[in-house]
Amino acid sequence: MLVILVAVTAIRIGEALGLMWSDIDWKKLKINIRRDWVDGQLGRPKSRASKAAVEMHETLAALLEGWRRETPYSKDSDFLFPSFKLHGKQPRLGSMIVQDYIRPAAIAAGVIPEDCRRFGFHNLRHGLSKFLIGNGHDPMVVQRMLRQSNVDMTMHYVHNIGKARNAQAQFIERFLPNGSTACDGEERNDEKRVQVRAQ
């Protein structure tokens, strides 16, 4: 669930891990960014622009509601993605999620080679901005979605869009259990698929 949230909203990983259920506005379909979880510490969002509420599509809201029913930490004061090992007292560590799940999934999917040093949640943020701008969406709209201070920063993300889109497609196909079609005409291989579940 964490990967889907970051991938479709471009929320920074620290912001996502800092979310509590009270931050979700189910009626207005918005996610309020009130804190950041970085290096094992809760803090304020990165910038003034980062504090803007994030739009939430009905499908994402339904997925989050499903996760809330599944997790034992579902009170308003609970984190959406708590450490089960620490009994929900703090969020999980983003670096450990990348090391244990994201990188192995990306390597297994052929998105990155094993010697690729930099790959993580921020690539999902980059990928979404490239996908949207590459498909003709207004860069100003994408800027507001990413909650960046200026559009120049948003456009900085846009390079090698074709390659990025292909890599993202391969990643999603192998990463999500219910991917719809194989990438580049390849047949699906469920034995090689890496399934990841937020914990």
N, C-alpha and C. Protein backbone atom coordinates (compact mmCIF):
# COMPACT_ATOMS: atom_id res chain seq x y z
N MET A 1 0.82 -1.19 0.00
CA MET A 1 0.00 0.00 0.00
C MET A 1 0.87 1.26 0.00
N LEU A 2 1.97 1.21 0.71
CA LEU A 2 2.87 2.36 0.79
C LEU A 2 3.41 2.70 -0.60
N VAL A 3 3.81 1.70 -1.35
CA VAL A 3 4.36 1.92 -2.69
C VAL A 3 3.31 2.54 -3.60
N ILE A 4 2.08 2.04 -3.54
CA ILE A 4 1.01 2.59 -4.37
C ILE A 4 0.75 4.05 -4.00
N LEU A 5 0.69 4.34 -2.71
CA LEU A 5 0.45 5.71 -2.25
C LEU A 5 1.50 6.67 -2.80
N VAL A 6 2.77 6.31 -2.65
CA VAL A 6 3.85 7.17 -3.12
C VAL A 6 3.84 7.28 -4.64
N ALA A 7 3.57 6.17 -5.32
CA ALA A 7 3.63 6.16 -6.78
C ALA A 7 2.56 7.02 -7.43
N VAL A 8 1.37 7.07 -6.85
CA VAL A 8 0.27 7.79 -7.50
C VAL A 8 0.07 9.22 -6.99
N THR A 9 0.71 9.55 -5.87
CA THR A 9 0.55 10.91 -5.33
C THR A 9 1.84 11.73 -5.38
N ALA A 10 2.99 11.07 -5.54
CA ALA A 10 4.30 11.72 -5.49
C ALA A 10 4.59 12.29 -4.11
N ILE A 11 3.93 11.77 -3.09
CA ILE A 11 4.27 12.17 -1.72
C ILE A 11 5.69 11.69 -1.42
N ARG A 12 6.48 12.53 -0.78
CA ARG A 12 7.83 12.13 -0.39
C ARG A 12 7.72 11.00 0.64
N ILE A 13 8.68 10.11 0.65
CA ILE A 13 8.60 8.95 1.53
C ILE A 13 8.54 9.34 3.00
N GLY A 14 9.27 10.37 3.39
CA GLY A 14 9.21 10.83 4.78
C GLY A 14 7.84 11.34 5.16
N GLU A 15 7.17 12.00 4.20
CA GLU A 15 5.82 12.50 4.43
C GLU A 15 4.84 11.34 4.54
N ALA A 16 5.00 10.35 3.68
CA ALA A 16 4.10 9.19 3.70
C ALA A 16 4.23 8.41 5.01
N LEU A 17 5.48 8.21 5.45
CA LEU A 17 5.70 7.46 6.68
C LEU A 17 5.24 8.24 7.91
N GLY A 18 5.21 9.56 7.80
CA GLY A 18 4.75 10.39 8.92
C GLY A 18 3.25 10.53 9.01
N LEU A 19 2.52 9.98 8.05
CA LEU A 19 1.06 10.11 8.06
C LEU A 19 0.39 9.33 9.18
N MET A 20 -0.59 9.97 9.80
CA MET A 20 -1.48 9.31 10.76
C MET A 20 -2.87 9.28 10.14
N TRP A 21 -3.71 8.39 10.63
CA TRP A 21 -5.04 8.26 10.06
C TRP A 21 -5.85 9.55 10.18
N SER A 22 -5.55 10.35 11.18
CA SER A 22 -6.25 11.63 11.34
C SER A 22 -5.89 12.63 10.24
N ASP A 23 -4.83 12.36 9.48
CA ASP A 23 -4.42 13.25 8.39
C ASP A 23 -5.23 13.03 7.12
N ILE A 24 -5.99 11.95 7.07
CA ILE A 24 -6.78 11.64 5.88
C ILE A 24 -8.16 12.28 6.00
N ASP A 25 -8.48 13.16 5.06
CA ASP A 25 -9.80 13.79 5.02
C ASP A 25 -10.65 13.02 4.02
N TRP A 26 -11.43 12.09 4.53
CA TRP A 26 -12.21 11.19 3.69
C TRP A 26 -13.30 11.93 2.94
N LYS A 27 -13.87 12.96 3.54
CA LYS A 27 -14.96 13.70 2.90
C LYS A 27 -14.47 14.57 1.75
N LYS A 28 -13.37 15.27 1.96
CA LYS A 28 -12.83 16.16 0.93
C LYS A 28 -11.86 15.45 -0.01
N LEU A 29 -11.56 14.18 0.30
CA LEU A 29 -10.61 13.38 -0.49
C LEU A 29 -9.26 14.09 -0.60
N LYS A 30 -8.72 14.40 0.55
CA LYS A 30 -7.41 15.05 0.63
C LYS A 30 -6.56 14.38 1.69
N ILE A 31 -5.24 14.43 1.47
CA ILE A 31 -4.28 13.93 2.45
C ILE A 31 -3.51 15.14 2.98
N ASN A 32 -3.63 15.39 4.27
CA ASN A 32 -2.97 16.54 4.87
C ASN A 32 -1.56 16.17 5.30
N ILE A 33 -0.59 16.94 4.83
CA ILE A 33 0.81 16.69 5.16
C ILE A 33 1.18 17.56 6.36
N ARG A 34 1.37 16.93 7.51
CA ARG A 34 1.61 17.68 8.75
C ARG A 34 2.96 17.39 9.38
N ARG A 35 3.61 16.31 8.94
CA ARG A 35 4.89 15.95 9.55
C ARG A 35 5.73 15.15 8.57
N ASP A 36 6.99 15.00 8.89
CA ASP A 36 7.95 14.28 8.05
C ASP A 36 8.72 13.31 8.94
N TRP A 37 8.97 12.11 8.45
CA TRP A 37 9.72 11.10 9.21
C TRP A 37 11.04 10.85 8.48
N VAL A 38 12.11 11.41 9.02
CA VAL A 38 13.42 11.32 8.38
C VAL A 38 14.48 10.95 9.42
N ASP A 39 15.30 9.97 9.07
CA ASP A 39 16.39 9.53 9.95
C ASP A 39 15.89 9.20 11.36
N GLY A 40 14.72 8.57 11.44
CA GLY A 40 14.21 8.15 12.73
C GLY A 40 13.65 9.26 13.59
N GLN A 41 13.39 10.42 12.98
CA GLN A 41 12.87 11.56 13.74
C GLN A 41 11.67 12.17 13.03
N LEU A 42 10.66 12.56 13.81
CA LEU A 42 9.53 13.29 13.25
C LEU A 42 9.86 14.76 13.20
N GLY A 43 9.55 15.40 12.08
CA GLY A 43 9.80 16.82 11.94
C GLY A 43 8.73 17.47 11.09
N ARG A 44 8.99 18.70 10.70
CA ARG A 44 8.04 19.44 9.87
C ARG A 44 8.28 19.12 8.40
N PRO A 45 7.26 19.35 7.56
CA PRO A 45 7.44 19.14 6.12
C PRO A 45 8.60 19.96 5.57
N LYS A 46 9.11 19.53 4.42
CA LYS A 46 10.33 20.08 3.83
C LYS A 46 10.26 21.57 3.58
N SER A 47 9.14 22.07 3.10
CA SER A 47 9.02 23.49 2.75
C SER A 47 7.58 23.94 2.90
N ARG A 48 7.35 25.22 2.68
CA ARG A 48 5.99 25.76 2.74
C ARG A 48 5.10 25.08 1.69
N ALA A 49 5.65 24.90 0.49
CA ALA A 49 4.89 24.25 -0.58
C ALA A 49 4.57 22.80 -0.22
N SER A 50 5.46 22.17 0.55
CA SER A 50 5.27 20.76 0.92
C SER A 50 4.09 20.56 1.86
N LYS A 51 3.66 21.64 2.52
CA LYS A 51 2.56 21.52 3.49
C LYS A 51 1.19 21.49 2.82
N ALA A 52 1.15 21.72 1.51
CA ALA A 52 -0.13 21.72 0.81
C ALA A 52 -0.77 20.34 0.86
N ALA A 53 -2.08 20.30 0.98
CA ALA A 53 -2.79 19.02 1.00
C ALA A 53 -2.66 18.32 -0.35
N VAL A 54 -2.66 17.01 -0.31
CA VAL A 54 -2.52 16.19 -1.50
C VAL A 54 -3.89 15.65 -1.91
N GLU A 55 -4.20 15.76 -3.20
CA GLU A 55 -5.48 15.24 -3.70
C GLU A 55 -5.48 13.71 -3.62
N MET A 56 -6.66 13.15 -3.34
CA MET A 56 -6.79 11.70 -3.20
C MET A 56 -7.94 11.20 -4.07
N HIS A 57 -7.63 10.41 -5.08
CA HIS A 57 -8.66 9.84 -5.95
C HIS A 57 -9.49 8.82 -5.16
N GLU A 58 -10.74 8.63 -5.59
CA GLU A 58 -11.64 7.70 -4.90
C GLU A 58 -11.06 6.29 -4.81
N THR A 59 -10.35 5.88 -5.86
CA THR A 59 -9.77 4.53 -5.85
C THR A 59 -8.69 4.42 -4.78
N LEU A 60 -7.87 5.45 -4.67
CA LEU A 60 -6.83 5.46 -3.63
C LEU A 60 -7.48 5.48 -2.25
N ALA A 61 -8.54 6.25 -2.09
CA ALA A 61 -9.24 6.30 -0.81
C ALA A 61 -9.77 4.91 -0.44
N ALA A 62 -10.31 4.20 -1.42
CA ALA A 62 -10.83 2.85 -1.16
C ALA A 62 -9.71 1.91 -0.74
N LEU A 63 -8.56 2.02 -1.40
CA LEU A 63 -7.41 1.17 -1.04
C LEU A 63 -6.93 1.48 0.38
N LEU A 64 -6.89 2.76 0.73
CA LEU A 64 -6.47 3.13 2.08
C LEU A 64 -7.48 2.65 3.12
N GLU A 65 -8.76 2.72 2.80
CA GLU A 65 -9.77 2.21 3.72
C GLU A 65 -9.60 0.70 3.92
N GLY A 66 -9.26 0.01 2.84
CA GLY A 66 -9.00 -1.43 2.95
C GLY A 66 -7.80 -1.73 3.83
N TRP A 67 -6.75 -0.93 3.69
CA TRP A 67 -5.56 -1.10 4.53
C TRP A 67 -5.88 -0.81 5.99
N ARG A 68 -6.74 0.21 6.22
CA ARG A 68 -7.10 0.54 7.60
C ARG A 68 -7.86 -0.61 8.25
N ARG A 69 -8.68 -1.29 7.49
CA ARG A 69 -9.41 -2.45 8.03
C ARG A 69 -8.46 -3.61 8.33
N GLU A 70 -7.37 -3.69 7.59
CA GLU A 70 -6.45 -4.82 7.72
C GLU A 70 -5.41 -4.62 8.83
N THR A 71 -4.95 -3.38 8.99
CA THR A 71 -3.88 -3.14 9.97
C THR A 71 -4.43 -3.13 11.40
N PRO A 72 -3.65 -3.62 12.36
CA PRO A 72 -4.09 -3.54 13.76
C PRO A 72 -3.95 -2.13 14.32
N TYR A 73 -3.29 -1.24 13.58
CA TYR A 73 -3.08 0.14 14.03
C TYR A 73 -3.97 1.05 13.19
N SER A 74 -5.23 1.17 13.59
CA SER A 74 -6.22 1.87 12.78
C SER A 74 -6.88 3.06 13.47
N LYS A 75 -6.41 3.39 14.66
CA LYS A 75 -6.97 4.55 15.37
C LYS A 75 -6.49 5.83 14.70
N ASP A 76 -7.22 6.93 14.91
CA ASP A 76 -6.85 8.21 14.30
C ASP A 76 -5.43 8.63 14.66
N SER A 77 -4.98 8.26 15.85
CA SER A 77 -3.64 8.66 16.32
C SER A 77 -2.54 7.69 15.88
N ASP A 78 -2.91 6.63 15.16
CA ASP A 78 -1.92 5.65 14.69
C ASP A 78 -1.31 6.09 13.36
N PHE A 79 -0.07 5.65 13.13
CA PHE A 79 0.58 5.86 11.84
C PHE A 79 -0.01 4.90 10.81
N LEU A 80 -0.07 5.36 9.56
CA LEU A 80 -0.58 4.49 8.50
C LEU A 80 0.34 3.31 8.26
N PHE A 81 1.65 3.56 8.39
CA PHE A 81 2.64 2.53 8.10
C PHE A 81 3.60 2.39 9.29
N PRO A 82 3.10 1.83 10.39
CA PRO A 82 3.90 1.74 11.61
C PRO A 82 4.84 0.56 11.59
N SER A 83 5.81 0.63 12.49
CA SER A 83 6.69 -0.50 12.71
C SER A 83 5.95 -1.51 13.58
N PHE A 84 5.68 -2.70 13.03
CA PHE A 84 5.03 -3.74 13.82
C PHE A 84 5.98 -4.22 14.92
N LYS A 85 7.27 -4.22 14.61
CA LYS A 85 8.26 -4.68 15.57
C LYS A 85 8.25 -3.80 16.81
N LEU A 86 7.98 -2.50 16.63
CA LEU A 86 7.94 -1.56 17.74
C LEU A 86 6.51 -1.27 18.18
N HIS A 87 5.60 -2.18 17.84
CA HIS A 87 4.21 -2.12 18.29
C HIS A 87 3.52 -0.80 17.91
N GLY A 88 3.85 -0.30 16.72
CA GLY A 88 3.17 0.88 16.19
C GLY A 88 3.57 2.20 16.79
N LYS A 89 4.59 2.22 17.63
CA LYS A 89 4.96 3.46 18.31
C LYS A 89 5.64 4.47 17.39
N GLN A 90 6.17 3.99 16.29
CA GLN A 90 6.80 4.88 15.32
C GLN A 90 6.65 4.27 13.93
N PRO A 91 6.83 5.11 12.88
CA PRO A 91 6.74 4.57 11.52
C PRO A 91 7.90 3.64 11.21
N ARG A 92 7.76 2.89 10.14
CA ARG A 92 8.86 2.06 9.65
C ARG A 92 9.94 2.97 9.08
N LEU A 93 11.12 2.42 8.87
CA LEU A 93 12.22 3.17 8.28
C LEU A 93 12.22 2.99 6.77
N GLY A 94 12.18 4.10 6.05
CA GLY A 94 12.15 4.05 4.60
C GLY A 94 13.34 3.32 4.00
N SER A 95 14.51 3.53 4.59
CA SER A 95 15.72 2.90 4.06
C SER A 95 15.65 1.38 4.15
N MET A 96 15.05 0.86 5.21
CA MET A 96 14.92 -0.58 5.37
C MET A 96 13.91 -1.15 4.38
N ILE A 97 12.84 -0.40 4.11
CA ILE A 97 11.85 -0.86 3.14
C ILE A 97 12.47 -0.94 1.76
N VAL A 98 13.29 0.06 1.42
CA VAL A 98 13.98 0.05 0.13
C VAL A 98 14.92 -1.14 0.04
N GLN A 99 15.70 -1.36 1.07
CA GLN A 99 16.68 -2.44 1.08
C GLN A 99 16.03 -3.82 1.03
N ASP A 100 14.95 -3.99 1.79
CA ASP A 100 14.34 -5.31 1.92
C ASP A 100 13.34 -5.64 0.81
N TYR A 101 12.71 -4.61 0.22
CA TYR A 101 11.63 -4.87 -0.73
C TYR A 101 11.79 -4.16 -2.08
N ILE A 102 11.98 -2.84 -2.05
CA ILE A 102 11.95 -2.06 -3.30
C ILE A 102 13.09 -2.44 -4.24
N ARG A 103 14.32 -2.42 -3.74
CA ARG A 103 15.46 -2.76 -4.60
C ARG A 103 15.39 -4.20 -5.10
N PRO A 104 15.12 -5.20 -4.24
CA PRO A 104 15.02 -6.56 -4.75
C PRO A 104 13.93 -6.71 -5.82
N ALA A 105 12.81 -6.01 -5.64
CA ALA A 105 11.73 -6.09 -6.63
C ALA A 105 12.17 -5.46 -7.95
N ALA A 106 12.85 -4.33 -7.87
CA ALA A 106 13.31 -3.64 -9.08
C ALA A 106 14.37 -4.46 -9.81
N ILE A 107 15.26 -5.09 -9.07
CA ILE A 107 16.30 -5.93 -9.69
C ILE A 107 15.66 -7.16 -10.33
N ALA A 108 14.73 -7.79 -9.61
CA ALA A 108 14.05 -8.98 -10.14
C ALA A 108 13.26 -8.65 -11.40
N ALA A 109 12.73 -7.43 -11.48
CA ALA A 109 11.95 -7.01 -12.65
C ALA A 109 12.83 -6.55 -13.80
N GLY A 110 14.14 -6.43 -13.55
CA GLY A 110 15.04 -5.98 -14.60
C GLY A 110 15.02 -4.47 -14.80
N VAL A 111 14.44 -3.75 -13.85
CA VAL A 111 14.38 -2.29 -13.95
C VAL A 111 15.75 -1.67 -13.71
N ILE A 112 16.50 -2.25 -12.77
CA ILE A 112 17.85 -1.76 -12.47
C ILE A 112 18.80 -2.95 -12.37
N PRO A 113 20.08 -2.73 -12.67
CA PRO A 113 21.05 -3.80 -12.47
C PRO A 113 21.39 -3.92 -10.98
N GLU A 114 21.97 -5.04 -10.61
CA GLU A 114 22.29 -5.28 -9.19
C GLU A 114 23.28 -4.26 -8.64
N ASP A 115 24.13 -3.68 -9.51
CA ASP A 115 25.13 -2.74 -9.02
C ASP A 115 24.63 -1.30 -9.00
N CYS A 116 23.34 -1.08 -9.28
CA CYS A 116 22.77 0.26 -9.22
C CYS A 116 22.69 0.70 -7.76
N ARG A 117 23.35 1.77 -7.42
CA ARG A 117 23.42 2.18 -6.02
C ARG A 117 22.24 3.04 -5.59
N ARG A 118 21.70 3.85 -6.51
CA ARG A 118 20.66 4.79 -6.11
C ARG A 118 19.33 4.41 -6.75
N PHE A 119 18.48 3.83 -5.96
CA PHE A 119 17.12 3.52 -6.40
C PHE A 119 16.25 3.39 -5.17
N GLY A 120 15.12 4.09 -5.17
CA GLY A 120 14.24 4.02 -4.02
C GLY A 120 12.92 4.71 -4.28
N PHE A 121 12.29 5.16 -3.23
CA PHE A 121 10.98 5.77 -3.34
C PHE A 121 10.99 7.04 -4.18
N HIS A 122 12.09 7.78 -4.17
CA HIS A 122 12.13 9.04 -4.91
C HIS A 122 12.02 8.78 -6.41
N ASN A 123 12.43 7.60 -6.86
CA ASN A 123 12.29 7.27 -8.27
C ASN A 123 10.81 7.20 -8.68
N LEU A 124 9.93 6.84 -7.74
CA LEU A 124 8.51 6.83 -8.03
C LEU A 124 7.99 8.24 -8.24
N ARG A 125 8.51 9.16 -7.46
CA ARG A 125 8.14 10.59 -7.60
C ARG A 125 8.60 11.11 -8.96
N HIS A 126 9.83 10.81 -9.31
CA HIS A 126 10.36 11.20 -10.62
C HIS A 126 9.53 10.57 -11.73
N GLY A 127 9.24 9.29 -11.58
CA GLY A 127 8.53 8.56 -12.62
C GLY A 127 7.15 9.12 -12.89
N LEU A 128 6.43 9.50 -11.83
CA LEU A 128 5.10 10.05 -12.01
C LEU A 128 5.14 11.38 -12.75
N SER A 129 6.08 12.25 -12.38
CA SER A 129 6.18 13.54 -13.05
C SER A 129 6.54 13.37 -14.52
N LYS A 130 7.44 12.47 -14.83
CA LYS A 130 7.81 12.21 -16.22
C LYS A 130 6.63 11.65 -17.01
N PHE A 131 5.91 10.74 -16.38
CA PHE A 131 4.76 10.13 -17.04
C PHE A 131 3.70 11.18 -17.37
N LEU A 132 3.39 12.02 -16.41
CA LEU A 132 2.33 13.02 -16.60
C LEU A 132 2.71 14.05 -17.66
N ILE A 133 3.90 14.60 -17.56
CA ILE A 133 4.33 15.61 -18.53
C ILE A 133 4.51 14.99 -19.91
N GLY A 134 5.04 13.77 -19.94
CA GLY A 134 5.22 13.07 -21.21
C GLY A 134 3.91 12.76 -21.90
N ASN A 135 2.81 12.72 -21.14
CA ASN A 135 1.50 12.46 -21.71
C ASN A 135 0.68 13.74 -21.88
N GLY A 136 1.39 14.88 -21.88
CA GLY A 136 0.75 16.14 -22.25
C GLY A 136 0.09 16.92 -21.15
N HIS A 137 0.27 16.55 -19.90
CA HIS A 137 -0.33 17.32 -18.81
C HIS A 137 0.45 18.60 -18.58
N ASP A 138 -0.26 19.63 -18.18
CA ASP A 138 0.33 20.95 -17.94
C ASP A 138 1.39 20.86 -16.84
N PRO A 139 2.63 21.30 -17.12
CA PRO A 139 3.68 21.26 -16.09
C PRO A 139 3.30 22.00 -14.81
N MET A 140 2.47 23.04 -14.93
CA MET A 140 2.05 23.77 -13.73
C MET A 140 1.16 22.89 -12.85
N VAL A 141 0.33 22.08 -13.48
CA VAL A 141 -0.53 21.16 -12.73
C VAL A 141 0.34 20.11 -12.03
N VAL A 142 1.33 19.61 -12.76
CA VAL A 142 2.24 18.61 -12.19
C VAL A 142 3.04 19.22 -11.04
N GLN A 143 3.45 20.48 -11.20
CA GLN A 143 4.18 21.18 -10.14
C GLN A 143 3.35 21.24 -8.87
N ARG A 144 2.07 21.60 -9.01
CA ARG A 144 1.20 21.67 -7.83
C ARG A 144 0.98 20.29 -7.22
N MET A 145 0.90 19.28 -8.08
CA MET A 145 0.71 17.92 -7.59
C MET A 145 1.92 17.46 -6.79
N LEU A 146 3.12 17.80 -7.27
CA LEU A 146 4.33 17.42 -6.57
C LEU A 146 4.65 18.36 -5.41
N ARG A 147 3.89 19.48 -5.33
CA ARG A 147 4.06 20.49 -4.28
C ARG A 147 5.49 21.04 -4.28
N GLN A 148 5.94 21.43 -5.47
CA GLN A 148 7.26 22.02 -5.61
C GLN A 148 7.15 23.53 -5.70
N SER A 149 8.22 24.22 -5.30
CA SER A 149 8.16 25.68 -5.21
C SER A 149 8.11 26.37 -6.56
N ASN A 150 8.65 25.76 -7.61
CA ASN A 150 8.59 26.38 -8.94
C ASN A 150 8.59 25.32 -10.03
N VAL A 151 8.10 25.73 -11.20
CA VAL A 151 7.92 24.78 -12.30
C VAL A 151 9.27 24.35 -12.89
N ASP A 152 10.31 25.17 -12.74
CA ASP A 152 11.63 24.79 -13.24
C ASP A 152 12.12 23.51 -12.56
N MET A 153 11.84 23.39 -11.29
CA MET A 153 12.23 22.18 -10.55
C MET A 153 11.49 20.98 -11.10
N THR A 154 10.21 21.17 -11.42
CA THR A 154 9.42 20.08 -11.98
C THR A 154 9.98 19.64 -13.32
N MET A 155 10.32 20.60 -14.18
CA MET A 155 10.83 20.28 -15.50
C MET A 155 12.20 19.61 -15.44
N HIS A 156 12.91 19.82 -14.34
CA HIS A 156 14.22 19.19 -14.16
C HIS A 156 14.08 17.66 -14.11
N TYR A 157 12.90 17.20 -13.66
CA TYR A 157 12.65 15.76 -13.57
C TYR A 157 12.51 15.13 -14.95
N VAL A 158 12.14 15.94 -15.94
CA VAL A 158 11.75 15.39 -17.23
C VAL A 158 12.95 15.22 -18.15
N HIS A 159 13.51 14.03 -18.17
CA HIS A 159 14.58 13.69 -19.09
C HIS A 159 14.48 12.20 -19.38
N ASN A 160 14.77 11.84 -20.61
CA ASN A 160 14.66 10.43 -21.04
C ASN A 160 13.29 9.84 -20.70
N ILE A 161 12.24 10.58 -21.07
CA ILE A 161 10.88 10.17 -20.70
C ILE A 161 10.55 8.78 -21.22
N GLY A 162 10.93 8.50 -22.47
CA GLY A 162 10.60 7.20 -23.06
C GLY A 162 11.20 6.05 -22.28
N LYS A 163 12.47 6.17 -21.95
CA LYS A 163 13.14 5.12 -21.18
C LYS A 163 12.53 4.99 -19.79
N ALA A 164 12.21 6.13 -19.19
CA ALA A 164 11.65 6.10 -17.85
C ALA A 164 10.29 5.42 -17.85
N ARG A 165 9.47 5.71 -18.87
CA ARG A 165 8.14 5.12 -18.94
C ARG A 165 8.23 3.61 -19.12
N ASN A 166 9.15 3.17 -19.96
CA ASN A 166 9.33 1.74 -20.19
C ASN A 166 9.79 1.05 -18.90
N ALA A 167 10.72 1.67 -18.20
CA ALA A 167 11.21 1.10 -16.94
C ALA A 167 10.09 1.04 -15.91
N GLN A 168 9.28 2.10 -15.85
CA GLN A 168 8.18 2.13 -14.90
C GLN A 168 7.16 1.03 -15.21
N ALA A 169 6.88 0.84 -16.50
CA ALA A 169 5.93 -0.20 -16.90
C ALA A 169 6.42 -1.58 -16.47
N GLN A 170 7.71 -1.84 -16.69
CA GLN A 170 8.28 -3.13 -16.30
C GLN A 170 8.20 -3.31 -14.79
N PHE A 171 8.49 -2.24 -14.07
CA PHE A 171 8.48 -2.29 -12.61
C PHE A 171 7.08 -2.61 -12.10
N ILE A 172 6.08 -1.90 -12.62
CA ILE A 172 4.71 -2.10 -12.18
C ILE A 172 4.23 -3.50 -12.51
N GLU A 173 4.55 -3.98 -13.71
CA GLU A 173 4.10 -5.31 -14.15
C GLU A 173 4.61 -6.40 -13.22
N ARG A 174 5.85 -6.29 -12.82
CA ARG A 174 6.43 -7.33 -11.96
C ARG A 174 6.11 -7.10 -10.48
N PHE A 175 5.91 -5.83 -10.12
CA PHE A 175 5.81 -5.47 -8.71
C PHE A 175 4.40 -5.67 -8.16
N LEU A 176 3.38 -5.26 -8.95
CA LEU A 176 2.01 -5.36 -8.46
C LEU A 176 1.45 -6.74 -8.77
N PRO A 177 0.86 -7.40 -7.80
CA PRO A 177 0.35 -8.76 -7.99
C PRO A 177 -0.70 -8.86 -9.09
N ASN A 178 -1.47 -7.82 -9.31
CA ASN A 178 -2.56 -7.88 -10.28
C ASN A 178 -2.27 -7.05 -11.53
N GLY A 179 -1.00 -6.99 -11.95
CA GLY A 179 -0.66 -6.25 -13.17
C GLY A 179 -1.45 -6.80 -14.34
N SER A 180 -1.90 -5.90 -15.24
CA SER A 180 -2.85 -6.33 -16.26
C SER A 180 -2.19 -6.96 -17.48
N THR A 181 -1.10 -6.36 -17.99
CA THR A 181 -0.49 -6.89 -19.20
C THR A 181 1.01 -6.96 -19.04
N ALA A 182 1.63 -7.82 -19.83
CA ALA A 182 3.09 -7.94 -19.79
C ALA A 182 3.72 -6.80 -20.55
N CYS A 183 4.93 -6.46 -20.19
CA CYS A 183 5.65 -5.36 -20.83
C CYS A 183 6.38 -5.85 -22.06
N ASP A 184 6.40 -5.01 -23.08
CA ASP A 184 7.16 -5.28 -24.30
C ASP A 184 6.79 -6.62 -24.92
N GLY A 185 5.53 -7.04 -24.75
CA GLY A 185 5.07 -8.27 -25.37
C GLY A 185 5.53 -9.54 -24.70
N GLU A 186 6.20 -9.42 -23.54
CA GLU A 186 6.67 -10.61 -22.85
C GLU A 186 5.51 -11.27 -22.12
N GLU A 187 5.57 -12.57 -21.98
CA GLU A 187 4.54 -13.26 -21.22
C GLU A 187 4.79 -13.07 -19.75
N ARG A 188 3.71 -13.04 -19.00
CA ARG A 188 3.84 -12.89 -17.55
C ARG A 188 4.45 -14.15 -16.96
N ASN A 189 5.32 -13.96 -15.99
CA ASN A 189 5.93 -15.10 -15.30
C ASN A 189 5.68 -14.92 -13.82
N ASP A 190 4.61 -15.54 -13.32
CA ASP A 190 4.23 -15.35 -11.93
C ASP A 190 5.24 -15.91 -10.96
N GLU A 191 6.07 -16.85 -11.42
CA GLU A 191 7.07 -17.42 -10.51
C GLU A 191 8.15 -16.40 -10.21
N LYS A 192 8.41 -15.49 -11.16
CA LYS A 192 9.46 -14.50 -10.94
C LYS A 192 8.92 -13.22 -10.31
N ARG A 193 7.59 -13.12 -10.24
CA ARG A 193 6.99 -11.90 -9.71
C ARG A 193 7.34 -11.74 -8.23
N VAL A 194 7.69 -10.53 -7.83
CA VAL A 194 8.00 -10.26 -6.43
C VAL A 194 6.84 -9.53 -5.82
N GLN A 195 6.20 -10.13 -4.84
CA GLN A 195 5.05 -9.51 -4.21
C GLN A 195 5.48 -8.85 -2.91
N VAL A 196 5.02 -7.63 -2.73
CA VAL A 196 5.39 -6.84 -1.56
C VAL A 196 4.14 -6.39 -0.85
N ARG A 197 4.12 -6.54 0.41
CA ARG A 197 2.97 -6.13 1.21
C ARG A 197 3.45 -5.17 2.28
N ALA A 198 2.76 -4.04 2.42
CA ALA A 198 3.12 -3.08 3.47
C ALA A 198 2.92 -3.72 4.82
N GLN A 199 3.90 -3.49 5.71
CA GLN A 199 3.80 -4.06 7.04
C GLN A 199 4.04 -3.00 8.09
